[in-house]
Structure formats: structure tokens, C-alpha cells
């Protein structure tokens, strides 16, 4: 099944635009996991099981696994999500961006080694950095466009005359680059005006929207600016605010409660919009 079809089914079936970001930091794990044989996998599995009915996607960040030599746990985690919660797409947040011959191997890493349904890609090297991912026509790729970090201004807001660089990226991804129909854009919730500009340029493609929760993005402004005409079109990511809602014995329930609160706030904003 194509990534965008999986996403559409979750938007409608789960009535959710929430994506839970899986950024496991052992320094913040509850005491219950101390001494566990595979604490990163165990932590993420508990979060997944507690929130699966509330989400449209899960987004593991590869660096959190690789820095701990836990790539095998990442492979097992993605396989677990597919087996235990079929139909929920997994977005591997890797932000790769390299020339075609190398990008080909990054695509194989994401889709064949780790089994992700989608990944994130940096477009700085042009279409060469994107094309290898399109050789996997069932898979998706979110292209970095207007990221949630402030120093993104240094490049993404550069003027190209009639448009800014991030708008040019949005136009390419919504147009000639999107040969499989499986591309989307990463646009931060911290910049609702730019999010609105991207949605005007790309009215129909999915937007991966980080920046709510710990990063402080406003949910109402984000939803109003970024939703598609049918009230979907967004994968709104929250990680730390859900994962680390509690470090006590109630950490699993606290994560679920935080996810539910975020999902409900997003849906309330959808109704108001």
C-alpha cells in the first residue's frame, strides 16, 4: 500500500492528525527501565502500545538510536509497529541529503533495512538527493522546506526575487519532483505564516509539521494555516511532551494522557477552522 494511502486511512479511521515522535533518550527513562536488556526498544514499544489508537503515524528519529548503537532495536521497533499495529505508517526521521549514488543507499537503508514507510530528506543538493527515493514508488519522503528551528532563517528565508527559498522548494516538491505522488513537505508549526504560504503553493500534498509541544508551536494557528481543504493533510508531530510526560511509575499512562490531550486539541482546532 502506498504511504499516502496509509496516511489517508489513518486520518479518517483514527480521526487524528497526531504523529508521536520516538526520540528515546535513556537519560530521561523511568527507573522501571533501568537494567533492562533493551531499554530503548522497551521504552518505545510501551509508548507505541499506549498511543497507537490516537495517532496517524509514528516518527522514530534515527540519531537517537544510532548514537546508542541501537540500530537493531530500531529495526525491531519498526517491525513491531507493523506487526502489532498494522496500517500505521512509520516515518523514519533521517534527514538524509546527498548525491544520487549515495542517496540510493540512504533510500535502501530507510526502506529495506529499517522497513520504514516514509523518510525525511534534505533537498540542498537538488533533485539528485530526492530521485533515488522515488525508485520505491510505494514509499514516501518528506522534504525539508521551512523547518521549526530559528537558524533555518539563514537559508530558508533567502529571497529569490519573487519568492523565498522555502517557497521555491515547496513549488518543486508540489510540481516536477513529485513523480510518484508520494512526496510531502516538512514545515514547522513555529512559523504559521510560512506554513500558510506553503499550503497555498501545495494545496494537496501532506505536510509533516514539527514544533508543537516542547517547541511551543501554537496548535490553533498551525491547524488553521496548514490543513488541506478537507480538514486533513497534516502530520503534526509531538515527541518530548508525550514521551516524558512523567518519569514516575505512571509514565505509560501519562504518555497516553498527553497524546490524547494533544490529539483532542488538534481536533478541536480543526472544528474551529
Protein backbone atom coordinates (compact mmCIF):
# COMPACT_ATOMS: atom_id res chain seq x y z
CA UNK A 1 0.00 0.00 0.00
CA UNK A 2 1.26 3.48 -0.85
CA UNK A 3 2.37 5.69 2.01
CA UNK A 4 -0.16 8.41 1.23
CA UNK A 5 -2.96 5.84 1.20
CA UNK A 6 -1.89 4.56 4.61
CA UNK A 7 -1.86 8.13 5.88
CA UNK A 8 -5.28 8.87 4.43
CA UNK A 9 -6.76 5.81 6.09
CA UNK A 10 -5.33 6.82 9.47
CA UNK A 11 -6.54 10.42 9.13
CA UNK A 12 -10.04 9.15 8.52
CA UNK A 13 -10.14 5.93 10.52
CA UNK A 14 -8.40 7.21 13.65
CA UNK A 15 -9.70 10.79 13.24
CA UNK A 16 -6.24 12.02 14.09
CA UNK A 17 -3.51 14.24 12.67
CA UNK A 18 -1.18 13.48 15.58
CA UNK A 19 2.21 11.85 15.00
CA UNK A 20 4.18 10.68 18.03
CA UNK A 21 7.90 11.29 17.61
CA UNK A 22 10.02 8.49 19.04
CA UNK A 23 13.16 10.24 20.32
CA UNK A 24 14.40 7.87 23.04
CA UNK A 25 16.85 9.47 25.48
CA UNK A 26 17.90 6.92 28.14
CA UNK A 27 18.87 9.74 30.49
CA UNK A 28 15.16 10.56 30.77
CA UNK A 29 13.83 7.00 31.03
CA UNK A 30 11.84 5.98 34.12
CA UNK A 31 13.53 3.95 36.82
CA UNK A 32 11.48 0.92 35.83
CA UNK A 33 13.64 0.52 32.71
CA UNK A 34 16.98 0.76 34.46
CA UNK A 35 18.83 -2.51 33.97
CA UNK A 36 16.59 -3.65 31.12
CA UNK A 37 18.36 -5.64 28.42
CA UNK A 38 17.00 -3.47 25.59
CA UNK A 39 15.70 -0.32 27.29
CA UNK A 40 15.34 1.75 24.11
CA UNK A 41 13.18 -0.84 22.41
CA UNK A 42 11.17 -1.45 25.58
CA UNK A 43 10.57 2.25 26.15
CA UNK A 44 9.43 2.89 22.59
CA UNK A 45 7.27 -0.24 22.49
CA UNK A 46 5.39 0.88 25.60
CA UNK A 47 4.85 4.34 24.10
CA UNK A 48 3.65 2.82 20.82
CA UNK A 49 1.19 0.46 22.50
CA UNK A 50 -0.14 3.23 24.73
CA UNK A 51 -0.77 5.71 21.90
CA UNK A 52 -1.39 3.65 18.74
CA UNK A 53 -5.13 4.29 18.62
CA UNK A 54 -4.54 8.05 18.91
CA UNK A 55 -2.10 8.64 16.04
CA UNK A 56 -1.88 8.89 12.29
CA UNK A 57 1.82 7.93 12.28
CA UNK A 58 4.91 7.25 14.36
CA UNK A 59 8.22 9.02 13.67
CA UNK A 60 11.39 7.47 15.11
CA UNK A 61 14.44 9.76 14.88
CA UNK A 62 17.38 7.66 13.72
CA UNK A 63 20.07 9.64 15.58
CA UNK A 64 18.64 8.70 18.97
CA UNK A 65 19.12 5.04 18.10
CA UNK A 66 22.41 5.26 16.21
CA UNK A 67 24.17 7.26 18.92
CA UNK A 68 23.47 4.39 21.33
CA UNK A 69 24.39 1.65 18.85
CA UNK A 70 20.73 0.66 18.90
CA UNK A 71 20.06 0.32 15.18
CA UNK A 72 18.95 -3.30 15.73
CA UNK A 73 16.39 -2.04 18.24
CA UNK A 74 15.16 0.46 15.64
CA UNK A 75 14.72 -2.32 13.09
CA UNK A 76 12.83 -4.41 15.61
CA UNK A 77 10.71 -1.44 16.69
CA UNK A 78 9.54 -0.66 13.16
CA UNK A 79 8.82 -4.34 12.54
CA UNK A 80 6.89 -4.43 15.82
CA UNK A 81 4.75 -1.42 14.85
CA UNK A 82 3.88 -3.01 11.52
CA UNK A 83 3.02 -6.34 13.14
CA UNK A 84 1.21 -5.17 16.27
CA UNK A 85 -0.46 -2.08 14.78
CA UNK A 86 -0.85 -2.73 11.05
CA UNK A 87 -1.80 0.23 8.93
CA UNK A 88 0.01 2.87 11.00
CA UNK A 89 2.76 4.35 8.81
CA UNK A 90 6.27 4.76 10.19
CA UNK A 91 8.26 7.84 9.15
CA UNK A 92 11.99 7.38 9.67
CA UNK A 93 13.32 10.84 10.50
CA UNK A 94 16.82 10.70 9.00
CA UNK A 95 17.08 13.99 7.06
CA UNK A 96 19.50 12.48 4.57
CA UNK A 97 20.67 14.60 1.65
CA UNK A 98 23.47 13.56 -0.67
CA UNK A 99 24.34 12.98 -4.33
CA UNK A 100 22.44 10.33 -6.23
CA UNK A 101 24.82 7.39 -5.84
CA UNK A 102 24.91 7.86 -2.07
CA UNK A 103 21.24 8.80 -1.76
CA UNK A 104 20.42 5.48 -3.39
CA UNK A 105 21.95 3.71 -0.40
CA UNK A 106 20.25 6.01 2.09
CA UNK A 107 16.94 5.08 0.44
CA UNK A 108 17.80 1.39 0.77
CA UNK A 109 18.71 1.99 4.41
CA UNK A 110 15.36 3.60 5.18
CA UNK A 111 13.08 1.35 3.19
CA UNK A 112 14.78 -2.04 3.01
CA UNK A 113 16.98 -2.23 6.09
CA UNK A 114 14.68 -0.46 8.54
CA UNK A 115 11.39 -1.11 6.75
CA UNK A 116 10.06 2.44 7.09
CA UNK A 117 7.10 3.62 5.04
CA UNK A 118 8.50 7.11 4.62
CA UNK A 119 11.60 9.11 5.46
CA UNK A 120 12.78 12.72 5.63
CA UNK A 121 15.14 14.18 3.02
CA UNK A 122 17.19 17.39 2.79
CA UNK A 123 16.95 18.99 -0.69
CA UNK A 124 20.07 21.18 -0.60
CA UNK A 125 21.78 19.11 -3.33
CA UNK A 126 18.75 19.34 -5.60
CA UNK A 127 16.75 16.63 -7.32
CA UNK A 128 19.77 14.28 -7.24
CA UNK A 129 19.17 13.95 -3.48
CA UNK A 130 15.48 13.10 -3.96
CA UNK A 131 15.25 10.95 -7.09
CA UNK A 132 16.58 7.67 -5.58
CA UNK A 133 13.71 7.65 -3.09
CA UNK A 134 11.24 7.78 -5.97
CA UNK A 135 12.54 4.41 -7.17
CA UNK A 136 10.49 2.98 -4.30
CA UNK A 137 7.07 4.05 -5.61
CA UNK A 138 5.07 2.80 -2.64
CA UNK A 139 7.20 4.75 -0.18
CA UNK A 140 7.03 8.38 0.87
CA UNK A 141 9.53 11.16 1.51
CA UNK A 142 9.02 14.41 3.38
CA UNK A 143 11.33 17.11 2.00
CA UNK A 144 12.68 19.75 4.39
CA UNK A 145 11.12 23.08 3.49
CA UNK A 146 10.61 25.54 6.37
CA UNK A 147 11.96 23.93 9.49
CA UNK A 148 10.95 24.81 13.05
CA UNK A 149 14.40 25.97 14.21
CA UNK A 150 15.19 29.69 14.24
CA UNK A 151 18.53 29.44 12.40
CA UNK A 152 16.65 27.96 9.43
CA UNK A 153 16.11 31.64 8.54
CA UNK A 154 19.74 31.84 7.39
CA UNK A 155 18.94 29.82 4.24
CA UNK A 156 15.23 29.12 4.02
CA UNK A 157 14.16 32.78 4.07
CA UNK A 158 16.60 33.94 1.39
CA UNK A 159 14.90 35.96 -1.32
CA UNK A 160 14.97 34.63 -4.88
CA UNK A 161 13.26 37.67 -6.27
CA UNK A 162 9.53 36.97 -6.32
CA UNK A 163 9.70 34.17 -3.77
CA UNK A 164 11.80 32.91 -0.89
CA UNK A 165 13.89 29.76 -0.94
CA UNK A 166 11.45 27.69 1.11
CA UNK A 167 8.65 28.65 -1.29
CA UNK A 168 10.77 27.55 -4.23
CA UNK A 169 11.34 24.18 -2.54
CA UNK A 170 7.59 23.85 -1.95
CA UNK A 171 6.90 24.59 -5.62
CA UNK A 172 9.39 21.95 -6.78
CA UNK A 173 8.02 19.30 -4.42
CA UNK A 174 4.42 20.06 -5.31
CA UNK A 175 5.28 20.01 -9.00
CA UNK A 176 8.06 18.44 -11.09
CA UNK A 177 9.79 16.50 -8.33
CA UNK A 178 6.66 14.67 -7.18
CA UNK A 179 6.75 11.96 -9.85
CA UNK A 180 5.25 9.24 -7.67
CA UNK A 181 2.75 11.41 -5.82
CA UNK A 182 4.34 10.30 -2.54
CA UNK A 183 6.28 13.42 -1.59
CA UNK A 184 5.42 15.81 1.20
CA UNK A 185 6.99 18.81 2.91
CA UNK A 186 8.37 19.49 6.39
CA UNK A 187 7.09 22.84 7.69
CA UNK A 188 7.40 23.89 11.33
CA UNK A 189 4.40 24.81 13.46
CA UNK A 190 6.51 27.65 14.88
CA UNK A 191 6.05 29.59 11.61
CA UNK A 192 2.29 29.63 10.83
CA UNK A 193 2.58 32.39 8.21
CA UNK A 194 5.11 30.38 6.23
CA UNK A 195 3.01 27.27 6.79
CA UNK A 196 0.06 29.07 5.23
CA UNK A 197 2.23 30.14 2.29
CA UNK A 198 3.35 26.56 1.71
CA UNK A 199 -0.22 25.29 1.83
CA UNK A 200 -1.21 27.81 -0.85
CA UNK A 201 1.59 26.57 -3.09
CA UNK A 202 0.96 22.89 -2.32
CA UNK A 203 -2.76 22.52 -1.56
CA UNK A 204 -2.93 18.75 -1.77
CA UNK A 205 0.31 17.22 -0.51
CA UNK A 206 0.90 16.09 3.09
CA UNK A 207 2.79 18.33 5.47
CA UNK A 208 4.91 16.97 8.32
CA UNK A 209 4.65 19.64 11.00
CA UNK A 210 7.04 19.53 13.96
CA UNK A 211 7.22 22.21 16.61
CA UNK A 212 4.19 21.86 18.87
CA UNK A 213 4.59 20.67 22.44
CA UNK A 214 8.10 21.25 23.78
CA UNK A 215 8.96 23.66 20.95
CA UNK A 216 5.97 25.88 21.67
CA UNK A 217 4.13 25.97 18.34
CA UNK A 218 0.51 27.13 18.62
CA UNK A 219 -1.91 24.35 17.67
CA UNK A 220 -4.77 26.62 16.56
CA UNK A 221 -2.56 28.75 14.33
CA UNK A 222 -0.83 25.66 12.96
CA UNK A 223 -4.05 23.85 12.03
CA UNK A 224 -5.68 26.94 10.55
CA UNK A 225 -2.64 27.58 8.36
CA UNK A 226 -1.78 24.06 7.27
CA UNK A 227 -4.82 21.84 6.95
CA UNK A 228 -5.97 20.82 3.50
CA UNK A 229 -9.46 21.76 2.25
CA UNK A 230 -10.92 18.52 3.65
CA UNK A 231 -9.55 19.21 7.12
CA UNK A 232 -6.68 16.71 6.96
CA UNK A 233 -3.35 16.96 5.11
CA UNK A 234 -1.13 17.32 8.18
CA UNK A 235 1.08 15.02 10.24
CA UNK A 236 1.53 17.09 13.40
CA UNK A 237 4.43 15.74 15.41
CA UNK A 238 4.88 15.84 19.16
CA UNK A 239 7.72 13.96 20.82
CA UNK A 240 9.20 15.00 24.15
CA UNK A 241 5.96 16.40 25.59
CA UNK A 242 4.42 12.94 25.23
CA UNK A 243 7.41 10.64 25.80
CA UNK A 244 8.50 12.32 29.01
CA UNK A 245 5.16 13.42 30.43
CA UNK A 246 6.20 11.59 33.60
CA UNK A 247 9.31 9.83 34.84
CA UNK A 248 7.45 8.06 37.62
CA UNK A 249 5.70 4.72 37.76
CA UNK A 250 2.75 6.19 35.84
CA UNK A 251 4.88 7.11 32.82
CA UNK A 252 2.95 4.98 30.32
CA UNK A 253 -0.43 6.35 31.37
CA UNK A 254 0.98 9.88 31.44
CA UNK A 255 2.25 9.48 27.88
CA UNK A 256 -1.15 8.25 26.73
CA UNK A 257 -2.92 11.10 28.52
CA UNK A 258 -0.59 13.66 26.94
CA UNK A 259 -1.11 12.15 23.49
CA UNK A 260 -4.87 12.14 23.95
CA UNK A 261 -4.86 15.74 25.12
CA UNK A 262 -2.79 16.76 22.10
CA UNK A 263 -4.96 14.78 19.66
CA UNK A 264 -8.10 16.33 21.12
CA UNK A 265 -6.63 19.85 20.97
CA UNK A 266 -5.75 19.33 17.30
CA UNK A 267 -9.26 18.06 16.53
CA UNK A 268 -10.84 20.97 18.40
CA UNK A 269 -8.74 23.35 16.29
CA UNK A 270 -9.88 21.52 13.15
CA UNK A 271 -13.51 22.09 14.13
CA UNK A 272 -12.90 25.77 14.83
CA UNK A 273 -11.22 26.20 11.46
